[in-house]
Amino acid sequence: MKRGLKFTIIRILGIILLTFIIFFPFKRHDSDHDIFLNNYKLVKSYIDSGLISQPPTMSPACINNGKNVFLLIMVPSTASNFAQRDAIRKTWGNVSNIRPIVKLKFVLGKTHSFHLQDLLLTENLLYNDIIIEDVPEKYENLTQKSIAILRWTVSNCPQIRYLLKIDDDVFLNLPRLLKYISKHAQTNTILGCLVSHSSPFRSIFSKWRVSWVQYNEEEYPEYVSGPAYLISGDVLYKLYQSTKHVREFMFEDVYITGLCRRHIGALAKSHAEFSCGYRDKGPCGSNFLYEITGHHYSPKEVQRMWLELQNRWSDCRLVDSYFIYKLVDVFKWIFL
C-alpha cells in the first residue's frame, strides 16, 4: 500500500517537473513591448537634451529609382510592434552587407496615440527604415496598407527587380530566397503559396463572412497567401494602377494577388518553400534549411531560429518537436 502511494507521488512529481521544464521558457516576464517603449523613451530624452546628436535625416527613396536594388522588402507593421521590428533588424532584415543589394522598409499606418507616434519618429531617426502612411491602424485597413506599399514603391523605387511583401511575424530564410530568384528569374509574376479554388464564407455566423454584395462570384481567383509574397518588378506599376479600377476588397491577399493580378494578366505562381500554414513547422532554425518562409513566430523565436539557421549542424530542442510545440501553443492560447 505504501509502495503504491509512494509510486503515485513520484509519478505526480515527475509530471510536474516535466511540465515545468517544457513551459518555463514561455512564462511571461517583462513585456517586450514595455522594454522597447522604455528604451525609445530614453533615447528620445537623450536626443532632446542634446546628450547625443540627432542622426542625419536620409531620403527614404531609392538611389537612381532603385535601378541597383535587386530586392526591396516591405514589412507591414503596427506602431506598437517594436519588438518584432527589432528582431527583424537583428536577423533576416540585417541587409546592409548583402549582395545583390537588398533594402528593407517597415510600413506603418497612423496611430491615435501621440506618445507612440513620437516614439516611432525616434525609432526612425535611429534606423531610417520606417514609412508612415495615412492609413488608420486596424485589421480592416490591411488592403489599404498594401495599396500604400505599391504606391510608395512605384513613386520612390520604380526600377527595383523584385518586391517582397512580408508580415512582421514571418521567419524568412533570405539567403535561400535570393539564391532561388537569382537562378530563376521571374517576370509578370507574383510568387508564393498559391491558393486555388477557394470560396468565400457566406455563413452569417462566420467572422470572415463575405456577402454577395461584397463579392459576387462563387470562387476567388487564384491568389498568393498574404503573409509573404514576391512580386516581379515589371508588374509593379500596372498592379498599382489596377487598384484604381478594381473595387477594394477586405482580404488584401485576395485583392492584390488575386483580383488586381487577374486584372492585369499577371501570373500567380506556387513555390513549395513559402509557408501555407500557421506555425506549420516547429520554431527551430534547422526546420528552415530548405524552406523560405514560416508564418507566425514571436520575436524571441525569430532571433533564436536565425542563430540556429546559421549553424548547419544545429539540432532542434526537444520543446521544438512537432507534438510538443503544438501542445505548448495550445497551453499558451488557453492560459497566457
C-alpha atoms as a PDB file:
ATOM      1  CA  MET A   1       0.000   0.000   0.000  1.00  0.00           C
ATOM      2  CA  LYS A   2       2.759   2.403   0.997  1.00  0.00           C
ATOM      3  CA  ARG A   3       4.806   1.434  -2.056  1.00  0.00           C
ATOM      4  CA  GLY A   4       1.812   2.168  -4.328  1.00  0.00           C
ATOM      5  CA  LEU A   5       1.273   5.566  -2.721  1.00  0.00           C
ATOM      6  CA  LYS A   6       4.975   6.362  -2.995  1.00  0.00           C
ATOM      7  CA  PHE A   7       4.993   5.401  -6.678  1.00  0.00           C
ATOM      8  CA  THR A   8       1.938   7.606  -7.357  1.00  0.00           C
ATOM      9  CA  ILE A   9       3.578  10.583  -5.628  1.00  0.00           C
ATOM     10  CA  ILE A  10       6.772  10.090  -7.651  1.00  0.00           C
ATOM     11  CA  ARG A  11       4.752   9.997 -10.897  1.00  0.00           C
ATOM     12  CA  ILE A  12       2.897  13.201  -9.978  1.00  0.00           C
ATOM     13  CA  LEU A  13       6.160  14.962  -9.126  1.00  0.00           C
ATOM     14  CA  GLY A  14       7.654  13.734 -12.389  1.00  0.00           C
ATOM     15  CA  ILE A  15       4.735  15.147 -14.378  1.00  0.00           C
ATOM     16  CA  ILE A  16       5.013  18.474 -12.546  1.00  0.00           C
ATOM     17  CA  LEU A  17       8.758  18.619 -13.224  1.00  0.00           C
ATOM     18  CA  LEU A  18       8.286  17.784 -16.914  1.00  0.00           C
ATOM     19  CA  THR A  19       5.575  20.437 -17.246  1.00  0.00           C
ATOM     20  CA  PHE A  20       7.873  22.997 -15.607  1.00  0.00           C
ATOM     21  CA  ILE A  21      10.760  22.123 -17.955  1.00  0.00           C
ATOM     22  CA  ILE A  22       8.544  22.401 -21.037  1.00  0.00           C
ATOM     23  CA  PHE A  23       6.571  25.512 -20.165  1.00  0.00           C
ATOM     24  CA  PHE A  24       9.009  27.621 -18.126  1.00  0.00           C
ATOM     25  CA  PRO A  25      10.622  29.149 -21.254  1.00  0.00           C
ATOM     26  CA  PHE A  26       7.185  30.545 -22.126  1.00  0.00           C
ATOM     27  CA  LYS A  27       6.470  32.085 -18.748  1.00  0.00           C
ATOM     28  CA  ARG A  28       5.791  35.766 -19.169  1.00  0.00           C
ATOM     29  CA  HIS A  29       8.433  38.077 -17.764  1.00  0.00           C
ATOM     30  CA  ASP A  30       8.668  41.779 -18.557  1.00  0.00           C
ATOM     31  CA  SER A  31       6.726  42.691 -21.674  1.00  0.00           C
ATOM     32  CA  ASP A  32       8.949  43.151 -24.737  1.00  0.00           C
ATOM     33  CA  HIS A  33       6.633  45.970 -25.729  1.00  0.00           C
ATOM     34  CA  ASP A  34       7.279  47.822 -22.440  1.00  0.00           C
ATOM     35  CA  ILE A  35      11.029  47.235 -22.682  1.00  0.00           C
ATOM     36  CA  PHE A  36      11.228  48.791 -26.139  1.00  0.00           C
ATOM     37  CA  LEU A  37       8.964  51.667 -25.159  1.00  0.00           C
ATOM     38  CA  ASN A  38      11.287  52.473 -22.268  1.00  0.00           C
ATOM     39  CA  ASN A  39      14.369  52.194 -24.500  1.00  0.00           C
ATOM     40  CA  TYR A  40      12.976  54.630 -27.073  1.00  0.00           C
ATOM     41  CA  LYS A  41      11.839  56.993 -24.331  1.00  0.00           C
ATOM     42  CA  LEU A  42      15.394  57.043 -23.019  1.00  0.00           C
ATOM     43  CA  VAL A  43      16.906  57.617 -26.467  1.00  0.00           C
ATOM     44  CA  LYS A  44      14.420  60.398 -27.162  1.00  0.00           C
ATOM     45  CA  SER A  45      15.277  62.122 -23.888  1.00  0.00           C
ATOM     46  CA  TYR A  46      18.994  61.961 -24.772  1.00  0.00           C
ATOM     47  CA  ILE A  47      18.350  63.446 -28.225  1.00  0.00           C
ATOM     48  CA  ASP A  48      16.054  66.165 -26.829  1.00  0.00           C
ATOM     49  CA  SER A  49      18.598  67.110 -24.149  1.00  0.00           C
ATOM     50  CA  GLY A  50      21.490  67.155 -26.623  1.00  0.00           C
ATOM     51  CA  LEU A  51      23.431  64.392 -24.871  1.00  0.00           C
ATOM     52  CA  ILE A  52      23.536  62.554 -28.187  1.00  0.00           C
ATOM     53  CA  SER A  53      23.313  64.259 -31.547  1.00  0.00           C
ATOM     54  CA  GLN A  54      20.356  63.673 -33.822  1.00  0.00           C
ATOM     55  CA  PRO A  55      21.312  61.355 -36.691  1.00  0.00           C
ATOM     56  CA  PRO A  56      21.200  62.979 -40.134  1.00  0.00           C
ATOM     57  CA  THR A  57      17.921  62.541 -41.979  1.00  0.00           C
ATOM     58  CA  MET A  58      18.285  60.482 -45.133  1.00  0.00           C
ATOM     59  CA  SER A  59      15.921  60.308 -48.071  1.00  0.00           C
ATOM     60  CA  PRO A  60      13.809  57.138 -47.952  1.00  0.00           C
ATOM     61  CA  ALA A  61      13.705  56.930 -51.740  1.00  0.00           C
ATOM     62  CA  CYS A  62      15.985  54.592 -53.667  1.00  0.00           C
ATOM     63  CA  ILE A  63      19.036  55.996 -55.442  1.00  0.00           C
ATOM     64  CA  ASN A  64      18.599  56.023 -59.238  1.00  0.00           C
ATOM     65  CA  ASN A  65      14.955  54.986 -58.828  1.00  0.00           C
ATOM     66  CA  GLY A  66      16.091  51.648 -57.396  1.00  0.00           C
ATOM     67  CA  LYS A  67      17.825  50.516 -60.566  1.00  0.00           C
ATOM     68  CA  ASN A  68      20.581  48.891 -58.481  1.00  0.00           C
ATOM     69  CA  VAL A  69      18.191  47.305 -55.944  1.00  0.00           C
ATOM     70  CA  PHE A  70      17.679  43.604 -56.517  1.00  0.00           C
ATOM     71  CA  LEU A  71      15.084  43.098 -53.771  1.00  0.00           C
ATOM     72  CA  LEU A  72      13.010  45.579 -51.791  1.00  0.00           C
ATOM     73  CA  ILE A  73      11.483  44.037 -48.655  1.00  0.00           C
ATOM     74  CA  MET A  74       8.360  45.820 -47.404  1.00  0.00           C
ATOM     75  CA  VAL A  75       7.095  44.782 -43.981  1.00  0.00           C
ATOM     76  CA  PRO A  76       3.618  45.898 -42.874  1.00  0.00           C
ATOM     77  CA  SER A  77       3.798  46.540 -39.144  1.00  0.00           C
ATOM     78  CA  THR A  78       1.846  48.312 -36.421  1.00  0.00           C
ATOM     79  CA  ALA A  79       3.062  51.133 -34.209  1.00  0.00           C
ATOM     80  CA  SER A  80       3.326  49.025 -31.061  1.00  0.00           C
ATOM     81  CA  ASN A  81       5.307  46.159 -32.670  1.00  0.00           C
ATOM     82  CA  PHE A  82       8.695  47.476 -31.558  1.00  0.00           C
ATOM     83  CA  ALA A  83       9.971  44.007 -30.604  1.00  0.00           C
ATOM     84  CA  GLN A  84       9.018  42.490 -33.974  1.00  0.00           C
ATOM     85  CA  ARG A  85      10.856  45.202 -35.903  1.00  0.00           C
ATOM     86  CA  ASP A  86      13.896  44.910 -33.660  1.00  0.00           C
ATOM     87  CA  ALA A  87      14.031  41.125 -34.133  1.00  0.00           C
ATOM     88  CA  ILE A  88      13.847  41.512 -37.925  1.00  0.00           C
ATOM     89  CA  ARG A  89      16.634  44.115 -37.972  1.00  0.00           C
ATOM     90  CA  LYS A  90      18.861  41.771 -35.964  1.00  0.00           C
ATOM     91  CA  THR A  91      18.162  38.716 -38.109  1.00  0.00           C
ATOM     92  CA  TRP A  92      16.946  38.280 -41.684  1.00  0.00           C
ATOM     93  CA  GLY A  93      16.399  42.012 -42.102  1.00  0.00           C
ATOM     94  CA  ASN A  94      20.046  42.880 -41.460  1.00  0.00           C
ATOM     95  CA  VAL A  95      20.698  43.537 -45.134  1.00  0.00           C
ATOM     96  CA  SER A  96      23.402  46.215 -45.091  1.00  0.00           C
ATOM     97  CA  ASN A  97      26.169  43.905 -46.357  1.00  0.00           C
ATOM     98  CA  ILE A  98      24.117  41.622 -48.608  1.00  0.00           C
ATOM     99  CA  ARG A  99      24.833  41.326 -52.306  1.00  0.00           C
ATOM    100  CA  PRO A 100      22.953  41.669 -54.591  1.00  0.00           C
ATOM    101  CA  ILE A 101      21.566  44.822 -52.979  1.00  0.00           C
ATOM    102  CA  VAL A 102      18.566  44.345 -50.698  1.00  0.00           C
ATOM    103  CA  LYS A 103      16.619  47.156 -48.994  1.00  0.00           C
ATOM    104  CA  LEU A 104      14.263  46.853 -46.021  1.00  0.00           C
ATOM    105  CA  LYS A 105      11.365  49.138 -45.089  1.00  0.00           C
ATOM    106  CA  PHE A 106       8.631  48.893 -42.470  1.00  0.00           C
ATOM    107  CA  VAL A 107       5.245  50.297 -43.460  1.00  0.00           C
ATOM    108  CA  LEU A 108       3.030  51.614 -40.669  1.00  0.00           C
ATOM    109  CA  GLY A 109      -0.324  53.327 -40.517  1.00  0.00           C
ATOM    110  CA  LYS A 110      -1.398  56.275 -38.407  1.00  0.00           C
ATOM    111  CA  THR A 111      -1.807  55.791 -34.676  1.00  0.00           C
ATOM    112  CA  HIS A 112      -4.079  57.921 -32.498  1.00  0.00           C
ATOM    113  CA  SER A 113      -1.509  57.795 -29.691  1.00  0.00           C
ATOM    114  CA  PHE A 114       0.701  60.894 -29.796  1.00  0.00           C
ATOM    115  CA  HIS A 115       3.019  59.098 -27.374  1.00  0.00           C
ATOM    116  CA  LEU A 116       3.525  56.156 -29.755  1.00  0.00           C
ATOM    117  CA  GLN A 117       3.831  58.455 -32.762  1.00  0.00           C
ATOM    118  CA  ASP A 118       6.596  60.368 -31.010  1.00  0.00           C
ATOM    119  CA  LEU A 119       8.484  57.157 -30.221  1.00  0.00           C
ATOM    120  CA  LEU A 120       8.091  55.982 -33.823  1.00  0.00           C
ATOM    121  CA  LEU A 121       9.774  59.162 -35.022  1.00  0.00           C
ATOM    122  CA  THR A 122      12.628  58.457 -32.607  1.00  0.00           C
ATOM    123  CA  GLU A 123      12.872  54.879 -33.878  1.00  0.00           C
ATOM    124  CA  ASN A 124      13.043  56.146 -37.439  1.00  0.00           C
ATOM    125  CA  LEU A 125      15.736  58.650 -36.513  1.00  0.00           C
ATOM    126  CA  LEU A 126      17.854  55.709 -35.405  1.00  0.00           C
ATOM    127  CA  TYR A 127      17.164  53.303 -38.268  1.00  0.00           C
ATOM    128  CA  ASN A 128      15.725  55.350 -41.144  1.00  0.00           C
ATOM    129  CA  ASP A 129      13.632  52.389 -42.308  1.00  0.00           C
ATOM    130  CA  ILE A 130      10.053  53.353 -41.387  1.00  0.00           C
ATOM    131  CA  ILE A 131       7.385  54.652 -43.757  1.00  0.00           C
ATOM    132  CA  ILE A 132       4.249  56.032 -42.113  1.00  0.00           C
ATOM    133  CA  GLU A 133       1.232  56.077 -44.394  1.00  0.00           C
ATOM    134  CA  ASP A 134      -2.029  57.947 -43.873  1.00  0.00           C
ATOM    135  CA  VAL A 135      -3.946  54.727 -43.124  1.00  0.00           C
ATOM    136  CA  PRO A 136      -5.639  54.161 -39.726  1.00  0.00           C
ATOM    137  CA  GLU A 137      -4.168  51.143 -37.937  1.00  0.00           C
ATOM    138  CA  LYS A 138      -6.782  48.393 -37.901  1.00  0.00           C
ATOM    139  CA  TYR A 139      -7.215  44.956 -39.477  1.00  0.00           C
ATOM    140  CA  GLU A 140      -9.878  46.136 -41.902  1.00  0.00           C
ATOM    141  CA  ASN A 141      -7.342  48.505 -43.468  1.00  0.00           C
ATOM    142  CA  LEU A 142      -4.713  45.911 -44.429  1.00  0.00           C
ATOM    143  CA  THR A 143      -5.775  46.235 -48.059  1.00  0.00           C
ATOM    144  CA  GLN A 144      -5.206  49.985 -47.937  1.00  0.00           C
ATOM    145  CA  LYS A 145      -1.775  49.414 -46.427  1.00  0.00           C
ATOM    146  CA  SER A 146      -0.853  47.012 -49.237  1.00  0.00           C
ATOM    147  CA  ILE A 147      -2.013  49.579 -51.802  1.00  0.00           C
ATOM    148  CA  ALA A 148       0.165  52.125 -49.986  1.00  0.00           C
ATOM    149  CA  ILE A 149       3.149  49.759 -50.318  1.00  0.00           C
ATOM    150  CA  LEU A 150       2.641  49.617 -54.085  1.00  0.00           C
ATOM    151  CA  ARG A 151       2.124  53.373 -54.337  1.00  0.00           C
ATOM    152  CA  TRP A 152       5.273  54.165 -52.351  1.00  0.00           C
ATOM    153  CA  THR A 153       7.332  51.689 -54.361  1.00  0.00           C
ATOM    154  CA  VAL A 154       6.311  52.939 -57.808  1.00  0.00           C
ATOM    155  CA  SER A 155       6.854  56.527 -56.645  1.00  0.00           C
ATOM    156  CA  ASN A 156      10.234  56.058 -54.937  1.00  0.00           C
ATOM    157  CA  CYS A 157      11.822  52.855 -56.248  1.00  0.00           C
ATOM    158  CA  PRO A 158      10.133  52.102 -59.589  1.00  0.00           C
ATOM    159  CA  GLN A 159      13.048  50.206 -61.150  1.00  0.00           C
ATOM    160  CA  ILE A 160      13.678  47.557 -58.497  1.00  0.00           C
ATOM    161  CA  ARG A 161      13.958  43.968 -59.692  1.00  0.00           C
ATOM    162  CA  TYR A 162      11.680  42.396 -57.055  1.00  0.00           C
ATOM    163  CA  LEU A 163       9.379  43.419 -54.204  1.00  0.00           C
ATOM    164  CA  LEU A 164       8.792  41.105 -51.240  1.00  0.00           C
ATOM    165  CA  LYS A 165       5.790  41.913 -49.075  1.00  0.00           C
ATOM    166  CA  ILE A 166       6.188  40.030 -45.787  1.00  0.00           C
ATOM    167  CA  ASP A 167       4.437  40.329 -42.421  1.00  0.00           C
ATOM    168  CA  ASP A 168       6.404  41.123 -39.259  1.00  0.00           C
ATOM    169  CA  ASP A 169       5.652  37.719 -37.678  1.00  0.00           C
ATOM    170  CA  VAL A 170       7.138  35.719 -40.571  1.00  0.00           C
ATOM    171  CA  PHE A 171      10.502  33.966 -40.432  1.00  0.00           C
ATOM    172  CA  LEU A 172      12.450  34.387 -43.671  1.00  0.00           C
ATOM    173  CA  ASN A 173      15.380  32.375 -44.978  1.00  0.00           C
ATOM    174  CA  LEU A 174      16.625  35.308 -47.038  1.00  0.00           C
ATOM    175  CA  PRO A 175      19.757  33.658 -48.479  1.00  0.00           C
ATOM    176  CA  ARG A 176      17.629  30.818 -49.846  1.00  0.00           C
ATOM    177  CA  LEU A 177      15.162  33.251 -51.445  1.00  0.00           C
ATOM    178  CA  LEU A 178      17.967  35.257 -53.041  1.00  0.00           C
ATOM    179  CA  LYS A 179      19.588  32.095 -54.350  1.00  0.00           C
ATOM    180  CA  TYR A 180      16.302  30.985 -55.928  1.00  0.00           C
ATOM    181  CA  ILE A 181      15.394  34.217 -57.686  1.00  0.00           C
ATOM    182  CA  SER A 182      18.992  34.735 -58.821  1.00  0.00           C
ATOM    183  CA  LYS A 183      18.869  31.381 -60.617  1.00  0.00           C
ATOM    184  CA  HIS A 184      15.200  31.500 -61.681  1.00  0.00           C
ATOM    185  CA  ALA A 185      14.300  34.964 -62.954  1.00  0.00           C
ATOM    186  CA  GLN A 186      10.638  35.883 -62.512  1.00  0.00           C
ATOM    187  CA  THR A 187       8.666  38.179 -64.814  1.00  0.00           C
ATOM    188  CA  ASN A 188       4.977  39.119 -64.903  1.00  0.00           C
ATOM    189  CA  THR A 189       4.631  37.083 -61.718  1.00  0.00           C
ATOM    190  CA  ILE A 190       3.513  37.030 -58.098  1.00  0.00           C
ATOM    191  CA  LEU A 191       5.197  34.115 -56.326  1.00  0.00           C
ATOM    192  CA  GLY A 192       4.427  32.379 -53.040  1.00  0.00           C
ATOM    193  CA  CYS A 193       1.956  29.954 -51.518  1.00  0.00           C
ATOM    194  CA  LEU A 194      -0.708  29.583 -54.207  1.00  0.00           C
ATOM    195  CA  VAL A 195      -4.333  29.231 -53.109  1.00  0.00           C
ATOM    196  CA  SER A 196      -6.731  27.743 -55.671  1.00  0.00           C
ATOM    197  CA  HIS A 197     -10.492  27.043 -55.717  1.00  0.00           C
ATOM    198  CA  SER A 198     -11.092  28.982 -52.508  1.00  0.00           C
ATOM    199  CA  SER A 199     -14.645  30.132 -51.859  1.00  0.00           C
ATOM    200  CA  PRO A 200     -15.904  32.995 -49.693  1.00  0.00           C
ATOM    201  CA  PHE A 201     -17.501  32.195 -46.346  1.00  0.00           C
ATOM    202  CA  ARG A 202     -21.182  33.005 -46.709  1.00  0.00           C
ATOM    203  CA  SER A 203     -22.457  31.892 -43.301  1.00  0.00           C
ATOM    204  CA  ILE A 204     -23.860  34.703 -41.165  1.00  0.00           C
ATOM    205  CA  PHE A 205     -22.102  33.093 -38.191  1.00  0.00           C
ATOM    206  CA  SER A 206     -18.621  33.327 -39.716  1.00  0.00           C
ATOM    207  CA  LYS A 207     -16.220  36.020 -38.544  1.00  0.00           C
ATOM    208  CA  TRP A 208     -14.925  36.176 -42.127  1.00  0.00           C
ATOM    209  CA  ARG A 209     -18.351  36.315 -43.798  1.00  0.00           C
ATOM    210  CA  VAL A 210     -18.401  37.827 -47.280  1.00  0.00           C
ATOM    211  CA  SER A 211     -21.785  38.839 -48.626  1.00  0.00           C
ATOM    212  CA  TRP A 212     -22.810  38.533 -52.275  1.00  0.00           C
ATOM    213  CA  VAL A 213     -22.789  42.332 -52.431  1.00  0.00           C
ATOM    214  CA  GLN A 214     -19.142  42.399 -51.337  1.00  0.00           C
ATOM    215  CA  TYR A 215     -18.126  39.629 -53.747  1.00  0.00           C
ATOM    216  CA  ASN A 216     -20.494  38.160 -56.342  1.00  0.00           C
ATOM    217  CA  GLU A 217     -18.509  35.162 -57.646  1.00  0.00           C
ATOM    218  CA  GLU A 218     -18.594  31.558 -56.414  1.00  0.00           C
ATOM    219  CA  GLU A 219     -14.823  31.326 -56.068  1.00  0.00           C
ATOM    220  CA  TYR A 220     -11.907  33.682 -55.631  1.00  0.00           C
ATOM    221  CA  PRO A 221      -9.401  33.811 -58.460  1.00  0.00           C
ATOM    222  CA  GLU A 222      -6.130  32.056 -57.745  1.00  0.00           C
ATOM    223  CA  TYR A 223      -4.209  34.168 -55.263  1.00  0.00           C
ATOM    224  CA  VAL A 224      -0.991  34.054 -53.250  1.00  0.00           C
ATOM    225  CA  SER A 225      -1.307  33.787 -49.468  1.00  0.00           C
ATOM    226  CA  GLY A 226      -0.773  37.083 -47.666  1.00  0.00           C
ATOM    227  CA  PRO A 227       1.946  36.501 -45.031  1.00  0.00           C
ATOM    228  CA  ALA A 228       4.651  36.609 -47.725  1.00  0.00           C
ATOM    229  CA  TYR A 229       4.653  37.011 -51.495  1.00  0.00           C
ATOM    230  CA  LEU A 230       7.155  38.127 -54.122  1.00  0.00           C
ATOM    231  CA  ILE A 231       6.221  40.490 -56.965  1.00  0.00           C
ATOM    232  CA  SER A 232       8.407  40.842 -60.047  1.00  0.00           C
ATOM    233  CA  GLY A 233       9.356  44.473 -60.649  1.00  0.00           C
ATOM    234  CA  ASP A 234       7.992  44.606 -64.183  1.00  0.00           C
ATOM    235  CA  VAL A 235       4.362  44.441 -62.982  1.00  0.00           C
ATOM    236  CA  LEU A 236       4.528  46.828 -60.014  1.00  0.00           C
ATOM    237  CA  TYR A 237       3.276  49.898 -61.876  1.00  0.00           C
ATOM    238  CA  LYS A 238       0.453  48.021 -63.615  1.00  0.00           C
ATOM    239  CA  LEU A 239      -0.514  46.336 -60.355  1.00  0.00           C
ATOM    240  CA  TYR A 240      -0.717  49.664 -58.545  1.00  0.00           C
ATOM    241  CA  GLN A 241      -2.724  51.251 -61.371  1.00  0.00           C
ATOM    242  CA  SER A 242      -5.183  48.348 -61.227  1.00  0.00           C
ATOM    243  CA  THR A 243      -6.087  49.290 -57.638  1.00  0.00           C
ATOM    244  CA  LYS A 244      -7.694  52.422 -59.099  1.00  0.00           C
ATOM    245  CA  HIS A 245     -10.059  50.309 -61.209  1.00  0.00           C
ATOM    246  CA  VAL A 246     -10.692  47.134 -59.186  1.00  0.00           C
ATOM    247  CA  ARG A 247     -13.119  47.622 -56.316  1.00  0.00           C
ATOM    248  CA  GLU A 248     -11.395  47.321 -52.953  1.00  0.00           C
ATOM    249  CA  PHE A 249     -11.897  44.044 -51.094  1.00  0.00           C
ATOM    250  CA  MET A 250     -11.495  43.208 -47.398  1.00  0.00           C
ATOM    251  CA  PHE A 251      -8.814  40.488 -47.752  1.00  0.00           C
ATOM    252  CA  GLU A 252      -5.612  42.069 -49.014  1.00  0.00           C
ATOM    253  CA  ASP A 253      -4.082  38.910 -50.477  1.00  0.00           C
ATOM    254  CA  VAL A 254      -7.229  38.064 -52.428  1.00  0.00           C
ATOM    255  CA  TYR A 255      -7.423  41.676 -53.585  1.00  0.00           C
ATOM    256  CA  ILE A 256      -3.779  42.366 -54.560  1.00  0.00           C
ATOM    257  CA  THR A 257      -2.570  38.940 -55.698  1.00  0.00           C
ATOM    258  CA  GLY A 258      -5.928  37.674 -56.934  1.00  0.00           C
ATOM    259  CA  LEU A 259      -8.310  40.327 -58.248  1.00  0.00           C
ATOM    260  CA  CYS A 260      -5.773  43.011 -59.226  1.00  0.00           C
ATOM    261  CA  ARG A 261      -3.305  40.457 -60.574  1.00  0.00           C
ATOM    262  CA  ARG A 262      -6.045  38.933 -62.739  1.00  0.00           C
ATOM    263  CA  HIS A 263      -6.994  42.408 -63.962  1.00  0.00           C
ATOM    264  CA  ILE A 264      -3.507  42.987 -65.413  1.00  0.00           C
ATOM    265  CA  GLY A 265      -2.991  39.430 -66.664  1.00  0.00           C
ATOM    266  CA  ALA A 266      -0.026  38.622 -64.406  1.00  0.00           C
ATOM    267  CA  LEU A 267       0.726  35.077 -63.254  1.00  0.00           C
ATOM    268  CA  ALA A 268       0.233  33.637 -59.781  1.00  0.00           C
ATOM    269  CA  LYS A 269       2.913  31.010 -59.203  1.00  0.00           C
ATOM    270  CA  SER A 270       3.307  28.444 -56.469  1.00  0.00           C
ATOM    271  CA  HIS A 271       6.532  27.867 -54.574  1.00  0.00           C
ATOM    272  CA  ALA A 272       6.530  24.950 -52.151  1.00  0.00           C
ATOM    273  CA  GLU A 273       9.006  26.626 -49.791  1.00  0.00           C
ATOM    274  CA  PHE A 274       6.646  29.507 -48.973  1.00  0.00           C
ATOM    275  CA  SER A 275       4.612  28.507 -45.926  1.00  0.00           C
ATOM    276  CA  CYS A 276       0.908  27.945 -46.487  1.00  0.00           C
ATOM    277  CA  GLY A 277       0.054  27.362 -42.829  1.00  0.00           C
ATOM    278  CA  TYR A 278       0.119  28.779 -39.349  1.00  0.00           C
ATOM    279  CA  ARG A 279       3.227  27.631 -37.430  1.00  0.00           C
ATOM    280  CA  ASP A 280       3.271  24.500 -39.569  1.00  0.00           C
ATOM    281  CA  LYS A 281       6.887  23.888 -38.550  1.00  0.00           C
ATOM    282  CA  GLY A 282       8.397  23.949 -35.082  1.00  0.00           C
ATOM    283  CA  PRO A 283      10.209  27.162 -34.048  1.00  0.00           C
ATOM    284  CA  CYS A 284      13.678  25.837 -34.857  1.00  0.00           C
ATOM    285  CA  GLY A 285      16.084  27.231 -37.438  1.00  0.00           C
ATOM    286  CA  SER A 286      17.059  23.767 -38.652  1.00  0.00           C
ATOM    287  CA  ASN A 287      13.495  23.275 -39.851  1.00  0.00           C
ATOM    288  CA  PHE A 288      14.066  26.071 -42.377  1.00  0.00           C
ATOM    289  CA  LEU A 289      17.271  24.898 -44.034  1.00  0.00           C
ATOM    290  CA  TYR A 290      15.198  24.031 -47.111  1.00  0.00           C
ATOM    291  CA  GLU A 291      12.300  26.461 -46.596  1.00  0.00           C
ATOM    292  CA  ILE A 292      11.920  30.132 -47.447  1.00  0.00           C
ATOM    293  CA  THR A 293       9.191  31.333 -45.082  1.00  0.00           C
ATOM    294  CA  GLY A 294       7.335  30.267 -41.955  1.00  0.00           C
ATOM    295  CA  HIS A 295       4.378  32.125 -40.504  1.00  0.00           C
ATOM    296  CA  HIS A 296       3.640  33.395 -37.006  1.00  0.00           C
ATOM    297  CA  TYR A 297       6.703  33.283 -34.800  1.00  0.00           C
ATOM    298  CA  SER A 298       7.461  35.529 -31.842  1.00  0.00           C
ATOM    299  CA  PRO A 299      10.378  37.999 -31.860  1.00  0.00           C
ATOM    300  CA  LYS A 300      12.367  35.822 -29.441  1.00  0.00           C
ATOM    301  CA  GLU A 301      11.717  32.741 -31.558  1.00  0.00           C
ATOM    302  CA  VAL A 302      12.815  34.551 -34.722  1.00  0.00           C
ATOM    303  CA  GLN A 303      16.119  35.592 -33.140  1.00  0.00           C
ATOM    304  CA  ARG A 304      16.878  32.110 -31.829  1.00  0.00           C
ATOM    305  CA  MET A 305      15.811  30.456 -35.097  1.00  0.00           C
ATOM    306  CA  TRP A 306      18.096  32.760 -37.089  1.00  0.00           C
ATOM    307  CA  LEU A 307      21.117  31.765 -34.985  1.00  0.00           C
ATOM    308  CA  GLU A 308      20.198  28.109 -35.393  1.00  0.00           C
ATOM    309  CA  LEU A 309      19.836  28.539 -39.148  1.00  0.00           C
ATOM    310  CA  GLN A 310      23.385  29.918 -39.382  1.00  0.00           C
ATOM    311  CA  ASN A 311      24.720  26.745 -37.746  1.00  0.00           C
ATOM    312  CA  ARG A 312      24.068  23.978 -40.226  1.00  0.00           C
ATOM    313  CA  TRP A 313      24.742  21.310 -37.601  1.00  0.00           C
ATOM    314  CA  SER A 314      22.397  22.796 -35.028  1.00  0.00           C
ATOM    315  CA  ASP A 315      19.871  20.382 -33.537  1.00  0.00           C
ATOM    316  CA  CYS A 316      16.324  21.321 -32.596  1.00  0.00           C
ATOM    317  CA  ARG A 317      15.433  21.395 -28.915  1.00  0.00           C
ATOM    318  CA  LEU A 318      13.036  18.823 -27.511  1.00  0.00           C
ATOM    319  CA  VAL A 319      10.384  21.505 -26.972  1.00  0.00           C
ATOM    320  CA  ASP A 320      10.514  22.358 -30.687  1.00  0.00           C
ATOM    321  CA  SER A 321       9.483  18.870 -31.825  1.00  0.00           C
ATOM    322  CA  TYR A 322       6.139  18.902 -33.604  1.00  0.00           C
ATOM    323  CA  PHE A 323       3.827  17.435 -30.954  1.00  0.00           C
ATOM    324  CA  ILE A 324       5.401  19.240 -28.012  1.00  0.00           C
ATOM    325  CA  TYR A 325       5.417  22.701 -29.583  1.00  0.00           C
ATOM    326  CA  LYS A 326       1.808  22.203 -30.676  1.00  0.00           C
ATOM    327  CA  LEU A 327       0.985  21.306 -27.073  1.00  0.00           C
ATOM    328  CA  VAL A 328       2.875  24.386 -25.901  1.00  0.00           C
ATOM    329  CA  ASP A 329       0.936  26.582 -28.352  1.00  0.00           C
ATOM    330  CA  VAL A 330      -2.366  25.216 -27.033  1.00  0.00           C
ATOM    331  CA  PHE A 331      -1.197  25.819 -23.467  1.00  0.00           C
ATOM    332  CA  LYS A 332      -0.241  29.431 -24.224  1.00  0.00           C
ATOM    333  CA  TRP A 333      -3.525  30.025 -26.061  1.00  0.00           C
ATOM    334  CA  ILE A 334      -5.530  28.787 -23.050  1.00  0.00           C
ATOM    335  CA  PHE A 335      -3.538  30.153 -20.124  1.00  0.00           C
ATOM    336  CA  LEU A 336      -1.417  33.040 -21.391  1.00  0.00           C
END
